[in-house]
Protein backbone atom coordinates (compact mmCIF):
# COMPACT_ATOMS: atom_id res chain seq x y z
CA MET A 1 146.23 123.87 98.00
CA ARG A 2 148.89 122.35 100.21
CA PRO A 3 151.29 119.68 98.83
CA ILE A 4 150.00 116.14 99.43
CA ASN A 5 152.72 115.40 101.98
CA ARG A 6 151.31 118.16 104.18
CA ILE A 7 147.71 116.85 104.13
CA ASP A 8 146.54 114.43 106.82
CA LEU A 9 145.28 111.54 104.69
CA ASN A 10 142.85 110.57 107.45
CA LEU A 11 140.89 113.68 106.51
CA LEU A 12 140.13 112.31 103.04
CA GLY A 13 137.78 109.72 104.50
CA THR A 14 135.89 112.53 106.24
CA PHE A 15 135.74 114.53 103.01
CA GLU A 16 134.32 111.53 101.11
CA ALA A 17 131.75 110.87 103.86
CA ILE A 18 130.50 114.48 103.90
CA TYR A 19 130.26 114.46 100.09
CA THR A 20 128.46 111.09 99.90
CA GLN A 21 126.21 111.52 102.93
CA GLY A 22 125.29 115.09 102.05
CA GLY A 23 126.04 116.77 105.37
CA VAL A 24 128.16 116.99 108.51
CA SER A 25 125.64 115.28 110.80
CA ALA A 26 125.01 112.42 108.39
CA ALA A 27 128.76 111.96 107.89
CA GLY A 28 129.22 111.80 111.64
CA ARG A 29 126.60 109.07 111.96
CA HIS A 30 128.18 107.17 109.07
CA LEU A 31 131.67 107.37 110.59
CA HIS A 32 130.47 107.03 114.21
CA LEU A 33 132.03 110.37 115.08
CA SER A 34 130.58 113.41 116.82
CA GLN A 35 129.36 116.38 114.81
CA SER A 36 132.04 118.53 116.39
CA ALA A 37 134.75 116.09 115.27
CA ILE A 38 133.44 116.19 111.71
CA SER A 39 133.19 120.00 111.80
CA HIS A 40 136.77 120.24 113.05
CA ALA A 41 137.96 117.91 110.29
CA LEU A 42 136.07 119.97 107.69
CA ALA A 43 137.78 123.14 108.94
CA ARG A 44 141.17 121.45 108.46
CA LEU A 45 140.14 120.25 105.01
CA ARG A 46 139.18 123.79 103.99
CA ILE A 47 142.60 125.02 105.00
CA ALA A 48 144.33 122.13 103.23
CA PHE A 49 142.43 122.64 99.99
CA ASP A 50 142.19 126.45 100.30
CA ASP A 51 138.53 126.15 99.36
CA GLU A 52 135.18 126.06 101.15
CA LEU A 53 134.53 122.57 99.68
CA PHE A 54 130.88 122.65 100.80
CA VAL A 55 128.51 125.61 100.97
CA ARG A 56 125.04 125.87 102.45
CA VAL A 57 122.09 126.34 100.11
CA GLY A 58 118.87 126.55 102.09
CA ASN A 59 118.76 123.53 104.40
CA ALA A 60 121.31 121.55 102.40
CA ILE A 61 125.02 121.77 101.75
CA VAL A 62 126.36 121.37 98.23
CA PRO A 63 129.91 120.69 97.07
CA THR A 64 131.94 123.41 95.40
CA ALA A 65 133.42 123.00 91.93
CA LEU A 66 136.75 122.02 93.45
CA ALA A 67 135.12 119.40 95.68
CA ARG A 68 133.34 117.92 92.65
CA SER A 69 136.60 117.83 90.71
CA VAL A 70 138.55 115.90 93.36
CA ILE A 71 135.92 113.50 94.72
CA ASP A 72 136.58 110.72 92.18
CA PRO A 73 140.38 110.72 92.68
CA VAL A 74 139.86 110.78 96.45
CA ARG A 75 137.46 107.82 96.26
CA ASP A 76 139.88 105.93 94.03
CA ALA A 77 142.70 106.57 96.50
CA LEU A 78 140.66 105.49 99.51
CA GLN A 79 139.39 102.38 97.81
CA GLY A 80 142.87 101.59 96.56
CA VAL A 81 144.19 101.61 100.13
CA GLU A 82 141.24 99.50 101.29
CA GLN A 83 141.70 96.97 98.51
CA ALA A 84 145.46 96.82 99.08
CA LEU A 85 144.85 95.94 102.71
CA ALA A 86 142.19 93.41 101.76
CA ALA A 87 144.46 91.81 99.16
CA ALA A 88 147.15 91.36 101.78
CA ALA A 89 144.81 89.27 103.91
CA ARG A 90 143.97 85.68 103.06
CA PHE A 91 140.25 85.08 102.57
CA ASP A 92 139.10 81.79 104.07
CA PRO A 93 135.37 81.24 103.38
CA ALA A 94 135.15 78.58 106.09
CA THR A 95 136.11 81.07 108.82
CA SER A 96 135.28 84.47 107.33
CA THR A 97 132.59 86.69 108.87
CA ARG A 98 132.67 89.20 106.05
CA ALA A 99 129.45 90.87 104.85
CA PHE A 100 128.88 90.98 101.10
CA ARG A 101 126.32 93.07 99.20
CA ILE A 102 125.14 92.04 95.74
CA GLY A 103 123.19 94.58 93.71
CA LEU A 104 120.09 92.89 92.31
CA ARG A 105 117.05 94.45 90.75
CA GLN A 106 113.86 92.83 92.02
CA ALA A 107 113.10 90.58 89.06
CA ASN A 108 116.70 89.35 88.84
CA GLU A 109 116.70 88.51 92.55
CA ALA A 110 114.03 85.90 91.83
CA ARG A 111 116.14 84.44 89.02
CA VAL A 112 119.46 83.88 90.78
CA PHE A 113 119.66 84.86 94.45
CA ALA A 114 118.27 81.73 96.12
CA ASP A 115 120.79 79.49 94.38
CA ILE A 116 123.68 81.80 95.28
CA VAL A 117 122.57 81.87 98.93
CA ALA A 118 122.33 78.07 99.10
CA HIS A 119 125.96 77.67 98.07
CA VAL A 120 127.27 80.56 100.20
CA VAL A 121 125.62 79.09 103.30
CA ARG A 122 127.29 75.74 102.70
CA ALA A 123 130.74 77.05 101.80
CA ALA A 124 130.94 80.06 104.15
CA PRO A 125 128.63 79.67 107.17
CA GLY A 126 129.94 82.83 108.87
CA VAL A 127 129.53 85.10 105.86
CA THR A 128 126.47 87.34 105.59
CA LEU A 129 124.99 88.12 102.21
CA ALA A 130 122.56 90.90 101.29
CA SER A 131 120.60 91.44 98.10
CA VAL A 132 120.43 95.21 97.56
CA ASN A 133 118.15 96.99 95.10
CA PHE A 134 119.74 99.81 93.10
CA ARG A 135 118.99 102.36 90.44
CA ARG A 136 120.60 101.33 87.19
CA SER A 137 122.05 104.81 86.73
CA ASP A 138 123.83 104.54 90.10
CA VAL A 139 125.38 101.07 89.83
CA ALA A 140 128.87 102.19 88.79
CA GLU A 141 129.08 104.73 91.61
CA GLU A 142 127.80 102.26 94.22
CA LEU A 143 130.38 99.68 93.15
CA ALA A 144 133.09 102.36 93.18
CA ARG A 145 132.14 103.44 96.71
CA GLY A 146 132.03 99.86 97.96
CA ASP A 147 128.33 100.12 98.79
CA LEU A 148 127.99 97.09 96.52
CA ASP A 149 130.58 94.32 96.17
CA LEU A 150 129.03 92.93 92.99
CA ALA A 151 126.01 93.66 90.84
CA ILE A 152 124.00 91.50 88.49
CA ASP A 153 122.25 93.30 85.64
CA VAL A 154 122.13 93.68 81.88
CA ALA A 155 124.78 95.70 80.09
CA SER A 156 124.00 99.37 79.53
CA ASP A 157 125.76 102.67 78.97
CA VAL A 158 126.32 103.09 82.70
CA THR A 159 128.25 99.80 83.01
CA VAL A 160 131.02 100.95 80.67
CA GLY A 161 134.28 100.84 82.63
CA LEU A 162 133.14 98.10 84.99
CA HIS A 163 134.48 94.58 84.78
CA ALA A 164 131.85 92.11 83.56
CA ILE A 165 131.34 88.47 82.71
CA PRO A 166 128.16 87.00 81.16
CA LEU A 167 125.90 84.86 83.35
CA GLN A 168 122.70 84.10 81.47
CA THR A 169 121.33 84.68 78.02
CA ASP A 170 117.56 84.76 78.10
CA THR A 171 114.69 85.09 75.64
CA MET A 172 111.44 86.98 75.96
CA VAL A 173 108.23 84.95 76.21
CA VAL A 174 104.54 85.67 76.61
CA ALA A 175 102.45 84.55 79.59
CA ALA A 176 98.69 84.07 79.42
CA ARG A 177 96.26 82.30 81.70
CA ARG A 178 95.40 78.72 80.93
CA GLY A 179 92.04 78.64 79.22
CA HIS A 180 92.63 82.02 77.56
CA PRO A 181 89.99 82.32 74.80
CA ARG A 182 92.49 83.32 72.10
CA ILE A 183 95.75 81.71 73.20
CA ALA A 184 96.47 77.99 73.49
CA GLY A 185 100.13 77.00 73.22
CA ALA A 186 101.10 79.76 70.76
CA ILE A 187 100.37 83.37 69.85
CA ASP A 188 100.75 85.18 66.54
CA LEU A 189 101.57 88.86 66.10
CA ILE A 190 97.99 89.85 65.22
CA THR A 191 96.67 88.30 68.45
CA TYR A 192 99.53 89.82 70.44
CA LEU A 193 98.78 93.33 69.15
CA ALA A 194 95.02 92.95 69.68
CA ALA A 195 95.39 91.89 73.31
CA ASP A 196 95.49 94.14 76.36
CA HIS A 197 98.85 93.95 78.10
CA VAL A 198 100.13 94.20 81.66
CA GLN A 199 103.62 95.63 82.10
CA ALA A 200 105.87 95.18 85.13
CA SER A 201 108.33 97.97 85.88
CA PRO A 202 109.44 99.93 88.95
CA ARG A 203 109.46 103.02 86.72
CA ARG A 204 106.34 105.18 86.56
CA SER A 205 106.41 105.27 82.77
CA GLY A 206 108.48 104.27 79.80
CA PRO A 207 108.66 101.48 77.22
CA GLY A 208 109.85 97.93 77.74
CA LEU A 209 112.17 95.91 75.53
CA GLU A 210 109.12 94.49 73.78
CA ASP A 211 107.95 98.01 72.88
CA GLU A 212 111.33 98.74 71.32
CA GLY A 213 111.03 95.54 69.31
CA LEU A 214 107.55 96.49 68.14
CA ALA A 215 108.72 99.98 67.21
CA ALA A 216 111.19 98.40 64.79
CA LEU A 217 108.14 96.83 63.10
CA ASP A 218 106.21 100.14 63.17
CA GLU A 219 103.76 98.55 65.59
CA THR A 220 102.52 99.41 69.08
CA ARG A 221 100.57 97.60 71.78
CA ARG A 222 98.10 98.73 74.42
CA VAL A 223 99.37 98.54 78.00
CA ALA A 224 96.20 98.48 80.05
CA ILE A 225 97.77 97.73 83.44
CA ARG A 226 101.16 98.72 84.85
CA CYS A 227 102.51 96.93 87.96
CA GLN A 228 105.53 97.72 90.08
CA ASN A 229 106.80 94.15 90.12
CA ILE A 230 106.67 90.99 88.07
CA TRP A 231 104.87 88.93 90.75
CA SER A 232 101.83 91.22 90.71
CA ALA A 233 101.78 91.24 86.92
CA TRP A 234 101.92 87.44 86.85
CA GLN A 235 98.91 87.21 89.17
CA VAL A 236 96.98 89.76 87.09
CA VAL A 237 97.52 87.50 84.08
CA ALA A 238 96.27 84.46 86.00
CA GLU A 239 93.00 86.21 86.82
CA SER A 240 92.28 88.00 83.52
CA ASP A 241 92.67 87.86 79.75
CA LEU A 242 95.60 90.29 79.83
CA ILE A 243 98.98 89.01 78.66
CA LEU A 244 102.48 89.67 79.97
CA THR A 245 105.80 89.75 78.11
CA LEU A 246 108.73 88.74 80.29
CA LEU A 247 112.00 86.84 80.33
CA GLY A 248 111.84 83.06 80.15
CA THR A 249 113.72 82.57 83.42
CA HIS A 250 111.32 84.93 85.19
CA ALA A 251 108.39 82.94 83.84
CA ALA A 252 109.88 79.63 84.96
CA THR A 253 110.47 81.05 88.45
CA LEU A 254 106.89 82.31 88.69
CA LEU A 255 105.09 79.11 87.68
CA PRO A 256 104.62 78.02 91.34
CA VAL A 257 102.85 81.37 91.98
CA ALA A 258 100.26 80.70 89.27
CA ASP A 259 100.35 78.08 86.54
CA ASN A 260 100.06 80.39 83.54
CA GLN A 261 100.92 79.13 80.09
CA ILE A 262 104.19 80.33 78.55
CA VAL A 263 104.43 80.73 74.78
CA PRO A 264 107.10 82.11 72.42
CA LEU A 265 107.08 85.82 71.63
CA PRO A 266 105.82 86.24 68.04
CA PHE A 267 108.57 88.65 66.96
CA GLU A 268 112.32 88.96 67.43
CA ILE A 269 114.02 90.86 70.24
CA ALA A 270 117.80 90.81 70.52
CA PRO A 271 118.73 89.04 73.78
CA ARG A 272 120.34 91.09 76.54
CA PRO A 273 122.66 88.83 78.55
CA LEU A 274 122.60 89.12 82.32
CA GLN A 275 126.06 90.06 83.55
CA LEU A 276 128.07 89.91 86.75
CA LEU A 277 129.58 93.35 87.33
CA TRP A 278 132.30 94.61 89.65
CA HIS A 279 134.53 97.65 89.94
CA PRO A 280 138.15 97.41 88.75
CA ALA A 281 139.28 98.41 92.24
CA ALA A 282 137.90 95.08 93.56
CA GLU A 283 139.66 92.98 90.93
CA ARG A 284 142.31 91.58 93.29
CA ASP A 285 140.28 91.43 96.50
CA PRO A 286 140.41 87.73 97.56
CA GLY A 287 136.91 87.79 99.05
CA ASN A 288 135.46 89.44 95.98
CA ILE A 289 137.26 86.92 93.75
CA TRP A 290 135.79 84.05 95.76
CA LEU A 291 132.26 85.44 95.55
CA ARG A 292 132.59 86.17 91.82
CA ARG A 293 133.64 82.59 91.14
CA LEU A 294 130.79 81.23 93.20
CA VAL A 295 128.22 83.44 91.47
CA GLN A 296 129.60 82.63 88.04
CA GLU A 297 129.48 78.89 88.76
CA HIS A 298 125.98 78.81 90.23
CA ALA A 299 124.14 81.65 88.48
CA SER A 300 125.17 80.88 84.91
CA ASN A 301 123.05 78.87 82.52
CA ASP A 302 122.42 78.32 78.85
CA GLU A 303 119.83 80.27 76.90
CA VAL A 304 116.35 79.82 78.33
CA MET A 305 113.56 78.91 75.93
CA PRO A 306 109.84 78.16 76.42
CA ASP A 307 109.30 74.53 77.31
CA ALA A 308 106.50 72.09 77.91
CA HIS A 309 104.77 74.62 80.15
CA GLY A 310 103.86 76.53 76.97
CA GLY A 311 100.95 74.24 76.17
CA ASP A 312 97.45 74.81 77.45
CA GLY A 313 96.85 72.13 80.04
CA GLY A 314 93.12 72.86 79.98
């Protein structure tokens, strides 16, 4: 491998694009360069690194061991340069036309995004804001690449190493239709276990937090219906005797969709605070700092508990 002072640093952006986009053509589209320009840059990279970097396997190209070993340092270097340039510029929300991307899983979008948008529109009319769905396992990488500026999600193993501040602490509640034959303002564990349940999850299978809580009691429930999103599950509850376990803030957001009753969960589940997440490389970016402060101010709240909506209005 050549010494760093003999490598054209402009090539590192091409290397990262080929690696991330999974091919020369896709990297060209991403960088708005011709395929021949990307191919020429790859040839120079192979000479610089004295390695093939990417090899063809069937219809795809895959990175070599050396490419895999250097991609993270290259990304850190590129993002460091980008953030250094961004930090040198003053961010003025009143005049900025910057585009921000906040990672939000579907259910959390309903909890916080509208309020964030309302304040961004007022404070920064030229800024564009996108809510972007993401796979939890990919959030750290997407923040590192700059595909996301911030993310809002619960803490997990994959968020270790990210910067985080708490936004909301929520409790799990149970939703049932008003007029449910066995539920009126409260539910006990026996009734909960005897009921048929609807579960909302984008995953094809797997337990929810409530199942983990029941497992600690050596109990299980019957999930009769599985929906991809919480809105569908809420409507299933409104039109059946199935019940749904969900976060209190989700339930409060969904009441205008259907006026289901909300009652306390009849067993304990440790709360999982919703967090605002960002990559350490964005720590000093003035625009990111501004957006973090705005989100923290307008998406934070105290613990959410069932309220007067829990009663059966008949």
